[in-house]
Structures are given as structure tokens and as C-alpha cells.
Amino acid sequence: MMWPSTHHVHLCVVGSEQERRHIAFRDYLRHNPAVAAEYLELKRKLAAANHGTTLESRERYSLSKTQFVSSVLERALAEGYPLPSVP
């Protein structure tokens, strides 16, 4: 593996609860630009604090987002996200 890595791929089983939660989070951010901007700012701040050249720094970056992601996901699910897709 090359360091630092430039991409992170996350896979989910189609139709799984994990996929539903990921789509709910994504859709909520798409429909709530202010929350998306907060998330962007958090990610920039964490990226500056965690250089990403080691597994440990990438793990710190990821874990530092957990509280924000969990709170947004809770709101998203409470509001019925993911929204039904329109054909």
C-alpha cells in the first residue's frame, strides 16, 4: 500500500441496514446545506490535525467524526430518510 493513500472505498451489501443508513446520511446532507457545510468544516479541521500518513492518524480522523455523524444520522432517520426514490 502506498502512503499516504488518496482514496477510501466503503462497500455495503445492497438492501442492507448499513446501506440504508449511509444513504440516509447522504440524502440528509444533500437536503440540508447548512449541515453539509458543518460537516465539511469538521472534515477540514480534522484533516489539518491528522496528517493521514499513518494508519493511526487516519483512524483518529475517522473516529473524530463519529459524534457528528451519529447525531446527523439520528436526525435523518427520525425525519424519514432515506427518502423513497422517485422512478
N, C-alpha and C. Protein backbone atom coordinates (compact mmCIF):
# COMPACT_ATOMS: atom_id res chain seq x y z
N MET A 1 0.84 -1.18 0.00
CA MET A 1 0.00 0.00 0.00
C MET A 1 0.89 1.24 0.00
N MET A 2 0.52 2.21 -0.81
CA MET A 2 1.27 3.47 -0.85
C MET A 2 0.78 4.41 0.26
N TRP A 3 1.70 5.13 0.82
CA TRP A 3 1.36 6.11 1.86
C TRP A 3 1.68 7.49 1.34
N PRO A 4 0.95 8.51 1.57
CA PRO A 4 -0.42 8.39 2.08
C PRO A 4 -1.37 7.91 0.98
N SER A 5 -2.43 7.29 1.39
CA SER A 5 -3.42 6.85 0.42
C SER A 5 -4.24 8.06 -0.04
N THR A 6 -4.82 7.95 -1.21
CA THR A 6 -5.58 9.08 -1.76
C THR A 6 -7.07 8.82 -1.78
N HIS A 7 -7.48 7.58 -1.56
CA HIS A 7 -8.90 7.24 -1.63
C HIS A 7 -9.26 6.24 -0.53
N HIS A 8 -10.51 6.25 -0.17
CA HIS A 8 -11.05 5.29 0.78
C HIS A 8 -12.33 4.76 0.18
N VAL A 9 -12.42 3.47 0.00
CA VAL A 9 -13.61 2.86 -0.59
C VAL A 9 -14.36 2.12 0.50
N HIS A 10 -15.66 2.36 0.56
CA HIS A 10 -16.51 1.71 1.54
C HIS A 10 -17.61 0.98 0.79
N LEU A 11 -17.75 -0.31 1.03
CA LEU A 11 -18.75 -1.13 0.34
C LEU A 11 -19.83 -1.58 1.30
N CYS A 12 -21.05 -1.66 0.79
CA CYS A 12 -22.19 -2.15 1.56
C CYS A 12 -22.96 -3.15 0.72
N VAL A 13 -23.60 -4.08 1.39
CA VAL A 13 -24.48 -5.02 0.69
C VAL A 13 -25.75 -4.27 0.30
N VAL A 14 -26.14 -4.40 -0.96
CA VAL A 14 -27.35 -3.75 -1.46
C VAL A 14 -28.55 -4.21 -0.62
N GLY A 15 -29.34 -3.23 -0.17
CA GLY A 15 -30.53 -3.54 0.60
C GLY A 15 -30.29 -3.76 2.08
N SER A 16 -29.04 -3.66 2.53
CA SER A 16 -28.72 -3.90 3.94
C SER A 16 -29.04 -2.66 4.79
N GLU A 17 -29.11 -2.88 6.09
CA GLU A 17 -29.31 -1.77 7.03
C GLU A 17 -28.15 -0.78 6.93
N GLN A 18 -26.95 -1.28 6.73
CA GLN A 18 -25.78 -0.41 6.60
C GLN A 18 -25.94 0.51 5.38
N GLU A 19 -26.39 -0.06 4.27
CA GLU A 19 -26.60 0.76 3.08
C GLU A 19 -27.68 1.81 3.33
N ARG A 20 -28.77 1.40 3.98
CA ARG A 20 -29.86 2.33 4.27
C ARG A 20 -29.37 3.51 5.09
N ARG A 21 -28.53 3.24 6.08
CA ARG A 21 -28.01 4.31 6.94
C ARG A 21 -27.07 5.24 6.17
N HIS A 22 -26.24 4.68 5.32
CA HIS A 22 -25.34 5.51 4.51
C HIS A 22 -26.13 6.42 3.58
N ILE A 23 -27.15 5.88 2.95
CA ILE A 23 -27.97 6.68 2.03
C ILE A 23 -28.76 7.74 2.80
N ALA A 24 -29.26 7.39 3.98
CA ALA A 24 -29.98 8.37 4.80
C ALA A 24 -29.07 9.55 5.14
N PHE A 25 -27.84 9.26 5.54
CA PHE A 25 -26.88 10.32 5.87
C PHE A 25 -26.60 11.19 4.64
N ARG A 26 -26.32 10.54 3.53
CA ARG A 26 -26.04 11.26 2.28
C ARG A 26 -27.21 12.16 1.87
N ASP A 27 -28.41 11.58 1.86
CA ASP A 27 -29.58 12.34 1.44
C ASP A 27 -29.88 13.50 2.38
N TYR A 28 -29.68 13.28 3.68
CA TYR A 28 -29.92 14.35 4.64
C TYR A 28 -28.97 15.52 4.37
N LEU A 29 -27.70 15.22 4.13
CA LEU A 29 -26.75 16.29 3.82
C LEU A 29 -27.12 17.01 2.53
N ARG A 30 -27.58 16.27 1.54
CA ARG A 30 -27.97 16.89 0.27
C ARG A 30 -29.15 17.84 0.44
N HIS A 31 -30.04 17.55 1.37
CA HIS A 31 -31.23 18.38 1.58
C HIS A 31 -31.05 19.43 2.68
N ASN A 32 -29.91 19.43 3.34
CA ASN A 32 -29.64 20.38 4.42
C ASN A 32 -28.24 20.98 4.23
N PRO A 33 -28.14 21.96 3.34
CA PRO A 33 -26.83 22.54 3.02
C PRO A 33 -26.07 23.09 4.22
N ALA A 34 -26.76 23.62 5.21
CA ALA A 34 -26.06 24.16 6.38
C ALA A 34 -25.38 23.04 7.16
N VAL A 35 -26.03 21.90 7.27
CA VAL A 35 -25.44 20.75 7.96
C VAL A 35 -24.28 20.19 7.13
N ALA A 36 -24.45 20.15 5.83
CA ALA A 36 -23.36 19.71 4.95
C ALA A 36 -22.15 20.62 5.10
N ALA A 37 -22.38 21.92 5.22
CA ALA A 37 -21.27 22.87 5.40
C ALA A 37 -20.57 22.64 6.74
N GLU A 38 -21.34 22.33 7.79
CA GLU A 38 -20.75 21.99 9.09
C GLU A 38 -19.85 20.77 8.98
N TYR A 39 -20.35 19.76 8.26
CA TYR A 39 -19.59 18.52 8.08
C TYR A 39 -18.30 18.80 7.31
N LEU A 40 -18.39 19.60 6.28
CA LEU A 40 -17.21 19.97 5.50
C LEU A 40 -16.18 20.66 6.38
N GLU A 41 -16.63 21.60 7.19
CA GLU A 41 -15.72 22.33 8.07
C GLU A 41 -15.07 21.39 9.08
N LEU A 42 -15.86 20.47 9.64
CA LEU A 42 -15.31 19.50 10.58
C LEU A 42 -14.25 18.63 9.89
N LYS A 43 -14.55 18.15 8.70
CA LYS A 43 -13.60 17.31 7.97
C LYS A 43 -12.31 18.07 7.65
N ARG A 44 -12.42 19.33 7.29
CA ARG A 44 -11.22 20.13 7.01
C ARG A 44 -10.38 20.32 8.27
N LYS A 45 -11.04 20.61 9.37
CA LYS A 45 -10.35 20.80 10.65
C LYS A 45 -9.63 19.51 11.06
N LEU A 46 -10.34 18.39 10.94
CA LEU A 46 -9.75 17.11 11.33
C LEU A 46 -8.62 16.70 10.39
N ALA A 47 -8.76 17.00 9.11
CA ALA A 47 -7.70 16.67 8.15
C ALA A 47 -6.44 17.47 8.45
N ALA A 48 -6.60 18.71 8.87
CA ALA A 48 -5.44 19.54 9.22
C ALA A 48 -4.75 19.01 10.48
N ALA A 49 -5.52 18.45 11.39
CA ALA A 49 -4.97 17.95 12.65
C ALA A 49 -4.43 16.53 12.55
N ASN A 50 -4.86 15.79 11.53
CA ASN A 50 -4.45 14.39 11.37
C ASN A 50 -3.87 14.22 9.98
N HIS A 51 -2.57 14.14 9.90
CA HIS A 51 -1.84 14.17 8.62
C HIS A 51 -2.21 13.04 7.66
N GLY A 52 -2.72 11.93 8.14
CA GLY A 52 -3.17 10.86 7.26
C GLY A 52 -2.08 9.99 6.68
N THR A 53 -0.87 10.15 7.13
CA THR A 53 0.22 9.34 6.58
C THR A 53 0.42 8.03 7.33
N THR A 54 -0.29 7.85 8.42
CA THR A 54 -0.21 6.59 9.18
C THR A 54 -1.62 6.05 9.41
N LEU A 55 -1.69 4.78 9.65
CA LEU A 55 -2.97 4.16 9.97
C LEU A 55 -3.59 4.81 11.21
N GLU A 56 -2.76 5.11 12.19
CA GLU A 56 -3.25 5.72 13.42
C GLU A 56 -3.88 7.10 13.18
N SER A 57 -3.24 7.91 12.36
CA SER A 57 -3.79 9.25 12.11
C SER A 57 -5.08 9.17 11.31
N ARG A 58 -5.17 8.23 10.39
CA ARG A 58 -6.42 8.05 9.64
C ARG A 58 -7.53 7.56 10.56
N GLU A 59 -7.19 6.69 11.49
CA GLU A 59 -8.17 6.19 12.45
C GLU A 59 -8.65 7.31 13.36
N ARG A 60 -7.74 8.18 13.83
CA ARG A 60 -8.13 9.33 14.65
C ARG A 60 -9.08 10.24 13.89
N TYR A 61 -8.76 10.50 12.62
CA TYR A 61 -9.61 11.33 11.77
C TYR A 61 -11.02 10.73 11.70
N SER A 62 -11.08 9.47 11.40
CA SER A 62 -12.37 8.79 11.26
C SER A 62 -13.15 8.78 12.56
N LEU A 63 -12.51 8.40 13.64
CA LEU A 63 -13.21 8.33 14.93
C LEU A 63 -13.65 9.70 15.42
N SER A 64 -12.92 10.74 15.05
CA SER A 64 -13.28 12.09 15.49
C SER A 64 -14.56 12.60 14.84
N LYS A 65 -14.98 11.97 13.75
CA LYS A 65 -16.23 12.36 13.08
C LYS A 65 -17.45 11.64 13.66
N THR A 66 -17.23 10.63 14.49
CA THR A 66 -18.30 9.74 14.93
C THR A 66 -19.46 10.47 15.59
N GLN A 67 -19.21 11.35 16.52
CA GLN A 67 -20.29 12.04 17.23
C GLN A 67 -21.14 12.86 16.26
N PHE A 68 -20.50 13.59 15.37
CA PHE A 68 -21.24 14.40 14.40
C PHE A 68 -22.08 13.51 13.50
N VAL A 69 -21.46 12.47 12.92
CA VAL A 69 -22.18 11.58 12.01
C VAL A 69 -23.35 10.92 12.72
N SER A 70 -23.14 10.45 13.94
CA SER A 70 -24.21 9.79 14.70
C SER A 70 -25.39 10.73 14.95
N SER A 71 -25.10 11.97 15.30
CA SER A 71 -26.19 12.92 15.58
C SER A 71 -26.96 13.26 14.31
N VAL A 72 -26.26 13.43 13.20
CA VAL A 72 -26.93 13.71 11.93
C VAL A 72 -27.75 12.50 11.50
N LEU A 73 -27.18 11.33 11.62
CA LEU A 73 -27.89 10.12 11.23
C LEU A 73 -29.15 9.92 12.07
N GLU A 74 -29.07 10.21 13.34
CA GLU A 74 -30.25 10.10 14.21
C GLU A 74 -31.36 11.03 13.73
N ARG A 75 -31.00 12.28 13.40
CA ARG A 75 -31.99 13.23 12.88
C ARG A 75 -32.55 12.76 11.54
N ALA A 76 -31.65 12.28 10.67
CA ALA A 76 -32.07 11.84 9.34
C ALA A 76 -33.09 10.70 9.45
N LEU A 77 -32.80 9.71 10.25
CA LEU A 77 -33.70 8.57 10.38
C LEU A 77 -35.03 9.00 11.02
N ALA A 78 -34.97 9.90 11.99
CA ALA A 78 -36.19 10.40 12.64
C ALA A 78 -37.07 11.15 11.66
N GLU A 79 -36.45 11.78 10.66
CA GLU A 79 -37.20 12.54 9.65
C GLU A 79 -37.57 11.71 8.43
N GLY A 80 -37.33 10.39 8.49
CA GLY A 80 -37.78 9.51 7.41
C GLY A 80 -36.80 9.28 6.28
N TYR A 81 -35.56 9.66 6.48
CA TYR A 81 -34.53 9.39 5.47
C TYR A 81 -34.10 7.93 5.61
N PRO A 82 -33.69 7.28 4.52
CA PRO A 82 -33.63 7.83 3.18
C PRO A 82 -35.02 7.99 2.59
N LEU A 83 -35.18 9.02 1.81
CA LEU A 83 -36.46 9.29 1.18
C LEU A 83 -36.71 8.26 0.09
N PRO A 84 -37.97 7.93 -0.14
CA PRO A 84 -38.28 6.99 -1.23
C PRO A 84 -37.77 7.53 -2.55
N SER A 85 -37.19 6.67 -3.36
CA SER A 85 -36.71 7.13 -4.66
C SER A 85 -37.86 7.25 -5.63
N VAL A 86 -37.75 8.24 -6.49
CA VAL A 86 -38.77 8.51 -7.48
C VAL A 86 -38.31 7.91 -8.81
N PRO A 87 -39.14 7.05 -9.41
CA PRO A 87 -38.72 6.43 -10.69
C PRO A 87 -38.58 7.42 -11.82
